[in-house]
Structures are given as C-alpha cells and as structure tokens.
Amino acid sequence: FAQDSPRTGVAQAAVVDNGQLSIQFGSRDFTTQLQLQVPGTSTHQFVASGKLDSEGMFRASGTDQSLAGAVAFDTQSAGYLFQKAVDSGIFKGITLWSR
C-alpha cells in the first residue's frame, strides 16, 4: 500500500487497519471498509459497496475513490484494487481476502 504525493511524486508506505469485506452471494451485494494512514498523518476511511456481476466481478466508484475486484471461482477468496484521493495524495493498494 502506498500514498503517492502529487507535490513530491514520492510513494510512501501506508498502514491499513480494520479491514472488512462482506459478500452476500444470494443478493450479490458487497461492502468493504479500510482505515488508511501514512504514519504521522491523519487516518482516512475507505468505504464502498455495490453489486457483484454474474461472473463474480465487482466495482464501485465515487468522486474521490474507486475499487475493482473479483471473487475466486471457488468463492473461498476475493481481492480488489483500490485508490482513494486525499488532500495530501492518493492511496493505492491491492487486497486479498480469504475465508
């Protein structure tokens, strides 16, 4: 995970805490959240929700963030790419979840 500062063009390691991903296969709904922080700065929330398509792909976007992911064919794992713009730069990362 990294935060890329538009002012300096330098990537910095970020801390990701309290991650959650919930997938309801019957209704094809997902919700996720992450806490993002570069040490010494304030914490930012990444929260997204939406629908899975018939192939297990999901995506969500807003004015300052986006996400694109997929569920594995065996439904035992999922992952997504995300980014969130904040005043000091952009958080970009990849998640991998398993049950």
N, C-alpha and C. Protein backbone atom coordinates (compact mmCIF):
# COMPACT_ATOMS: atom_id res chain seq x y z
N PHE A 1 0.84 -1.17 0.00
CA PHE A 1 0.00 0.00 0.00
C PHE A 1 0.89 1.23 0.00
N ALA A 2 0.50 2.22 -0.72
CA ALA A 2 1.33 3.42 -0.79
C ALA A 2 0.45 4.64 -0.96
N GLN A 3 0.97 5.74 -0.49
CA GLN A 3 0.32 7.01 -0.75
C GLN A 3 1.28 7.79 -1.63
N ASP A 4 0.82 8.19 -2.78
CA ASP A 4 1.63 8.93 -3.73
C ASP A 4 1.28 10.40 -3.59
N SER A 5 2.26 11.20 -3.23
CA SER A 5 2.03 12.63 -3.04
C SER A 5 2.17 13.36 -4.37
N PRO A 6 1.14 14.11 -4.78
CA PRO A 6 1.23 14.84 -6.04
C PRO A 6 2.25 15.97 -5.97
N ARG A 7 2.54 16.43 -4.78
CA ARG A 7 3.50 17.54 -4.64
C ARG A 7 4.93 17.07 -4.84
N THR A 8 5.25 15.89 -4.32
CA THR A 8 6.63 15.41 -4.39
C THR A 8 6.83 14.29 -5.38
N GLY A 9 5.76 13.59 -5.77
CA GLY A 9 5.87 12.46 -6.65
C GLY A 9 6.51 11.25 -6.00
N VAL A 10 6.56 11.25 -4.66
CA VAL A 10 7.21 10.18 -3.91
C VAL A 10 6.16 9.26 -3.31
N ALA A 11 6.36 7.96 -3.46
CA ALA A 11 5.47 6.98 -2.84
C ALA A 11 5.94 6.70 -1.42
N GLN A 12 5.00 6.59 -0.51
CA GLN A 12 5.30 6.29 0.89
C GLN A 12 4.48 5.08 1.31
N ALA A 13 5.05 4.27 2.20
CA ALA A 13 4.31 3.13 2.73
C ALA A 13 3.16 3.63 3.59
N ALA A 14 2.04 2.96 3.51
CA ALA A 14 0.86 3.32 4.31
C ALA A 14 0.48 2.14 5.20
N VAL A 15 -0.20 2.45 6.28
CA VAL A 15 -0.71 1.44 7.19
C VAL A 15 -2.19 1.24 6.89
N VAL A 16 -2.61 -0.03 6.79
CA VAL A 16 -4.02 -0.35 6.56
C VAL A 16 -4.49 -1.16 7.76
N ASP A 17 -5.54 -0.68 8.42
CA ASP A 17 -6.09 -1.34 9.61
C ASP A 17 -7.58 -1.55 9.46
N ASN A 18 -8.11 -2.42 10.33
CA ASN A 18 -9.55 -2.63 10.47
C ASN A 18 -10.24 -2.92 9.14
N GLY A 19 -9.61 -3.72 8.30
CA GLY A 19 -10.20 -4.08 7.03
C GLY A 19 -11.35 -5.06 7.18
N GLN A 20 -12.38 -4.85 6.40
CA GLN A 20 -13.53 -5.74 6.37
C GLN A 20 -14.04 -5.86 4.94
N LEU A 21 -14.44 -7.07 4.59
CA LEU A 21 -15.11 -7.32 3.31
C LEU A 21 -16.23 -8.30 3.59
N SER A 22 -17.44 -7.92 3.22
CA SER A 22 -18.60 -8.78 3.39
C SER A 22 -19.24 -8.98 2.02
N ILE A 23 -19.48 -10.24 1.67
CA ILE A 23 -20.11 -10.58 0.40
C ILE A 23 -21.33 -11.44 0.68
N GLN A 24 -22.47 -11.01 0.19
CA GLN A 24 -23.72 -11.76 0.30
C GLN A 24 -24.01 -12.34 -1.08
N PHE A 25 -23.71 -13.62 -1.25
CA PHE A 25 -23.83 -14.23 -2.57
C PHE A 25 -25.27 -14.31 -3.05
N GLY A 26 -26.22 -14.54 -2.14
CA GLY A 26 -27.62 -14.65 -2.54
C GLY A 26 -28.14 -13.38 -3.20
N SER A 27 -27.82 -12.24 -2.61
CA SER A 27 -28.29 -10.96 -3.16
C SER A 27 -27.24 -10.27 -4.04
N ARG A 28 -26.04 -10.89 -4.13
CA ARG A 28 -24.93 -10.34 -4.91
C ARG A 28 -24.49 -8.96 -4.44
N ASP A 29 -24.52 -8.73 -3.13
CA ASP A 29 -24.09 -7.46 -2.55
C ASP A 29 -22.71 -7.60 -1.92
N PHE A 30 -21.94 -6.51 -1.93
CA PHE A 30 -20.69 -6.48 -1.18
C PHE A 30 -20.57 -5.14 -0.45
N THR A 31 -19.88 -5.16 0.67
CA THR A 31 -19.49 -3.95 1.39
C THR A 31 -18.07 -4.16 1.88
N THR A 32 -17.31 -3.08 1.92
CA THR A 32 -15.93 -3.15 2.39
C THR A 32 -15.55 -1.85 3.05
N GLN A 33 -14.57 -1.94 3.93
CA GLN A 33 -14.01 -0.73 4.53
C GLN A 33 -12.58 -0.98 4.96
N LEU A 34 -11.78 0.07 4.93
CA LEU A 34 -10.38 0.06 5.34
C LEU A 34 -10.07 1.37 6.04
N GLN A 35 -9.16 1.36 6.98
CA GLN A 35 -8.60 2.58 7.54
C GLN A 35 -7.21 2.73 6.94
N LEU A 36 -6.92 3.88 6.37
CA LEU A 36 -5.66 4.13 5.69
C LEU A 36 -4.91 5.26 6.38
N GLN A 37 -3.60 5.10 6.53
CA GLN A 37 -2.82 6.16 7.18
C GLN A 37 -1.36 6.05 6.79
N VAL A 38 -0.74 7.17 6.53
CA VAL A 38 0.71 7.25 6.46
C VAL A 38 1.15 7.65 7.86
N PRO A 39 2.10 6.94 8.47
CA PRO A 39 2.49 7.27 9.84
C PRO A 39 2.77 8.76 10.02
N GLY A 40 2.22 9.31 11.10
CA GLY A 40 2.39 10.73 11.38
C GLY A 40 1.34 11.63 10.76
N THR A 41 0.36 11.04 10.06
CA THR A 41 -0.71 11.83 9.45
C THR A 41 -2.06 11.33 9.95
N SER A 42 -3.11 12.00 9.56
CA SER A 42 -4.45 11.60 9.99
C SER A 42 -4.91 10.34 9.26
N THR A 43 -5.90 9.67 9.85
CA THR A 43 -6.46 8.44 9.29
C THR A 43 -7.57 8.78 8.31
N HIS A 44 -7.64 8.03 7.23
CA HIS A 44 -8.69 8.21 6.21
C HIS A 44 -9.48 6.91 6.09
N GLN A 45 -10.76 7.02 5.84
CA GLN A 45 -11.65 5.87 5.71
C GLN A 45 -11.90 5.58 4.23
N PHE A 46 -11.79 4.32 3.87
CA PHE A 46 -12.20 3.86 2.55
C PHE A 46 -13.41 2.96 2.79
N VAL A 47 -14.56 3.36 2.28
CA VAL A 47 -15.80 2.62 2.44
C VAL A 47 -16.46 2.52 1.08
N ALA A 48 -16.85 1.30 0.69
CA ALA A 48 -17.50 1.11 -0.61
C ALA A 48 -18.49 -0.04 -0.53
N SER A 49 -19.46 -0.01 -1.42
CA SER A 49 -20.45 -1.09 -1.51
C SER A 49 -20.97 -1.14 -2.93
N GLY A 50 -21.60 -2.25 -3.26
CA GLY A 50 -22.16 -2.39 -4.60
C GLY A 50 -22.62 -3.81 -4.85
N LYS A 51 -22.68 -4.16 -6.12
CA LYS A 51 -23.19 -5.45 -6.57
C LYS A 51 -22.11 -6.26 -7.27
N LEU A 52 -22.20 -7.58 -7.13
CA LEU A 52 -21.37 -8.50 -7.90
C LEU A 52 -22.10 -8.81 -9.20
N ASP A 53 -21.35 -8.94 -10.28
CA ASP A 53 -22.00 -9.36 -11.52
C ASP A 53 -22.07 -10.89 -11.55
N SER A 54 -22.60 -11.45 -12.62
CA SER A 54 -22.82 -12.90 -12.69
C SER A 54 -21.52 -13.70 -12.71
N GLU A 55 -20.39 -13.07 -12.99
CA GLU A 55 -19.09 -13.75 -13.01
C GLU A 55 -18.27 -13.49 -11.76
N GLY A 56 -18.85 -12.80 -10.75
CA GLY A 56 -18.15 -12.55 -9.50
C GLY A 56 -17.27 -11.31 -9.50
N MET A 57 -17.41 -10.48 -10.51
CA MET A 57 -16.66 -9.22 -10.57
C MET A 57 -17.46 -8.15 -9.83
N PHE A 58 -16.73 -7.21 -9.21
CA PHE A 58 -17.42 -6.10 -8.55
C PHE A 58 -16.59 -4.83 -8.68
N ARG A 59 -17.29 -3.71 -8.62
CA ARG A 59 -16.63 -2.40 -8.73
C ARG A 59 -17.49 -1.35 -8.07
N ALA A 60 -16.84 -0.28 -7.70
CA ALA A 60 -17.53 0.87 -7.11
C ALA A 60 -16.66 2.08 -7.34
N SER A 61 -17.29 3.23 -7.51
CA SER A 61 -16.51 4.46 -7.66
C SER A 61 -17.30 5.63 -7.12
N GLY A 62 -16.57 6.62 -6.70
CA GLY A 62 -17.15 7.85 -6.19
C GLY A 62 -16.28 9.00 -6.65
N THR A 63 -16.52 10.17 -6.10
CA THR A 63 -15.78 11.35 -6.54
C THR A 63 -14.30 11.29 -6.17
N ASP A 64 -13.96 10.60 -5.07
CA ASP A 64 -12.57 10.58 -4.63
C ASP A 64 -11.99 9.18 -4.46
N GLN A 65 -12.72 8.15 -4.89
CA GLN A 65 -12.22 6.79 -4.70
C GLN A 65 -12.79 5.84 -5.73
N SER A 66 -12.10 4.70 -5.91
CA SER A 66 -12.61 3.65 -6.79
C SER A 66 -12.07 2.30 -6.34
N LEU A 67 -12.74 1.26 -6.80
CA LEU A 67 -12.41 -0.11 -6.44
C LEU A 67 -12.84 -1.01 -7.59
N ALA A 68 -12.04 -2.05 -7.86
CA ALA A 68 -12.41 -3.07 -8.84
C ALA A 68 -11.86 -4.40 -8.34
N GLY A 69 -12.71 -5.43 -8.31
CA GLY A 69 -12.27 -6.70 -7.77
C GLY A 69 -13.03 -7.88 -8.31
N ALA A 70 -12.70 -9.05 -7.75
CA ALA A 70 -13.34 -10.29 -8.19
C ALA A 70 -13.29 -11.32 -7.06
N VAL A 71 -14.25 -12.23 -7.12
CA VAL A 71 -14.31 -13.38 -6.22
C VAL A 71 -13.74 -14.57 -6.99
N ALA A 72 -12.94 -15.41 -6.33
CA ALA A 72 -12.39 -16.60 -6.97
C ALA A 72 -13.52 -17.57 -7.32
N PHE A 73 -13.28 -18.42 -8.30
CA PHE A 73 -14.30 -19.37 -8.74
C PHE A 73 -14.79 -20.27 -7.63
N ASP A 74 -13.91 -20.62 -6.67
CA ASP A 74 -14.33 -21.49 -5.56
C ASP A 74 -15.00 -20.72 -4.42
N THR A 75 -15.14 -19.42 -4.55
CA THR A 75 -15.74 -18.50 -3.57
C THR A 75 -15.02 -18.47 -2.23
N GLN A 76 -13.81 -18.99 -2.17
CA GLN A 76 -13.06 -19.01 -0.91
C GLN A 76 -12.14 -17.80 -0.75
N SER A 77 -11.98 -17.01 -1.80
CA SER A 77 -11.13 -15.83 -1.72
C SER A 77 -11.64 -14.76 -2.68
N ALA A 78 -11.21 -13.53 -2.41
CA ALA A 78 -11.56 -12.38 -3.25
C ALA A 78 -10.45 -11.36 -3.12
N GLY A 79 -10.37 -10.48 -4.05
CA GLY A 79 -9.38 -9.41 -3.98
C GLY A 79 -9.86 -8.20 -4.75
N TYR A 80 -9.29 -7.06 -4.42
CA TYR A 80 -9.62 -5.86 -5.19
C TYR A 80 -8.48 -4.86 -5.20
N LEU A 81 -8.46 -4.07 -6.24
CA LEU A 81 -7.59 -2.90 -6.37
C LEU A 81 -8.38 -1.71 -5.88
N PHE A 82 -7.74 -0.79 -5.18
CA PHE A 82 -8.45 0.40 -4.74
C PHE A 82 -7.55 1.62 -4.83
N GLN A 83 -8.19 2.76 -4.88
CA GLN A 83 -7.48 4.03 -4.74
C GLN A 83 -8.40 5.04 -4.09
N LYS A 84 -7.81 5.92 -3.29
CA LYS A 84 -8.56 6.97 -2.61
C LYS A 84 -7.73 8.24 -2.62
N ALA A 85 -8.30 9.30 -3.16
CA ALA A 85 -7.63 10.60 -3.19
C ALA A 85 -7.91 11.34 -1.88
N VAL A 86 -6.87 11.91 -1.31
CA VAL A 86 -6.97 12.75 -0.12
C VAL A 86 -6.17 14.03 -0.39
N ASP A 87 -6.27 15.00 0.49
CA ASP A 87 -5.58 16.27 0.27
C ASP A 87 -4.07 16.12 0.04
N SER A 88 -3.46 15.15 0.74
CA SER A 88 -2.01 15.01 0.68
C SER A 88 -1.53 14.02 -0.40
N GLY A 89 -2.44 13.41 -1.16
CA GLY A 89 -2.02 12.48 -2.20
C GLY A 89 -3.09 11.46 -2.52
N ILE A 90 -2.66 10.29 -2.98
CA ILE A 90 -3.59 9.23 -3.37
C ILE A 90 -3.11 7.92 -2.75
N PHE A 91 -4.00 7.25 -2.01
CA PHE A 91 -3.72 5.91 -1.53
C PHE A 91 -4.05 4.95 -2.66
N LYS A 92 -3.14 4.01 -2.93
CA LYS A 92 -3.36 2.97 -3.93
C LYS A 92 -2.97 1.65 -3.32
N GLY A 93 -3.76 0.61 -3.53
CA GLY A 93 -3.41 -0.68 -2.94
C GLY A 93 -4.15 -1.83 -3.56
N ILE A 94 -3.76 -3.02 -3.12
CA ILE A 94 -4.38 -4.27 -3.54
C ILE A 94 -4.69 -5.06 -2.28
N THR A 95 -5.87 -5.67 -2.23
CA THR A 95 -6.23 -6.51 -1.10
C THR A 95 -6.41 -7.94 -1.55
N LEU A 96 -6.25 -8.87 -0.63
CA LEU A 96 -6.55 -10.27 -0.87
C LEU A 96 -7.22 -10.78 0.40
N TRP A 97 -8.40 -11.38 0.25
CA TRP A 97 -9.19 -11.85 1.36
C TRP A 97 -9.46 -13.34 1.18
N SER A 98 -9.47 -14.08 2.27
CA SER A 98 -9.84 -15.49 2.19
C SER A 98 -10.66 -15.85 3.42
N ARG A 99 -11.47 -16.92 3.26
CA ARG A 99 -12.25 -17.35 4.42
C ARG A 99 -11.74 -18.64 4.96
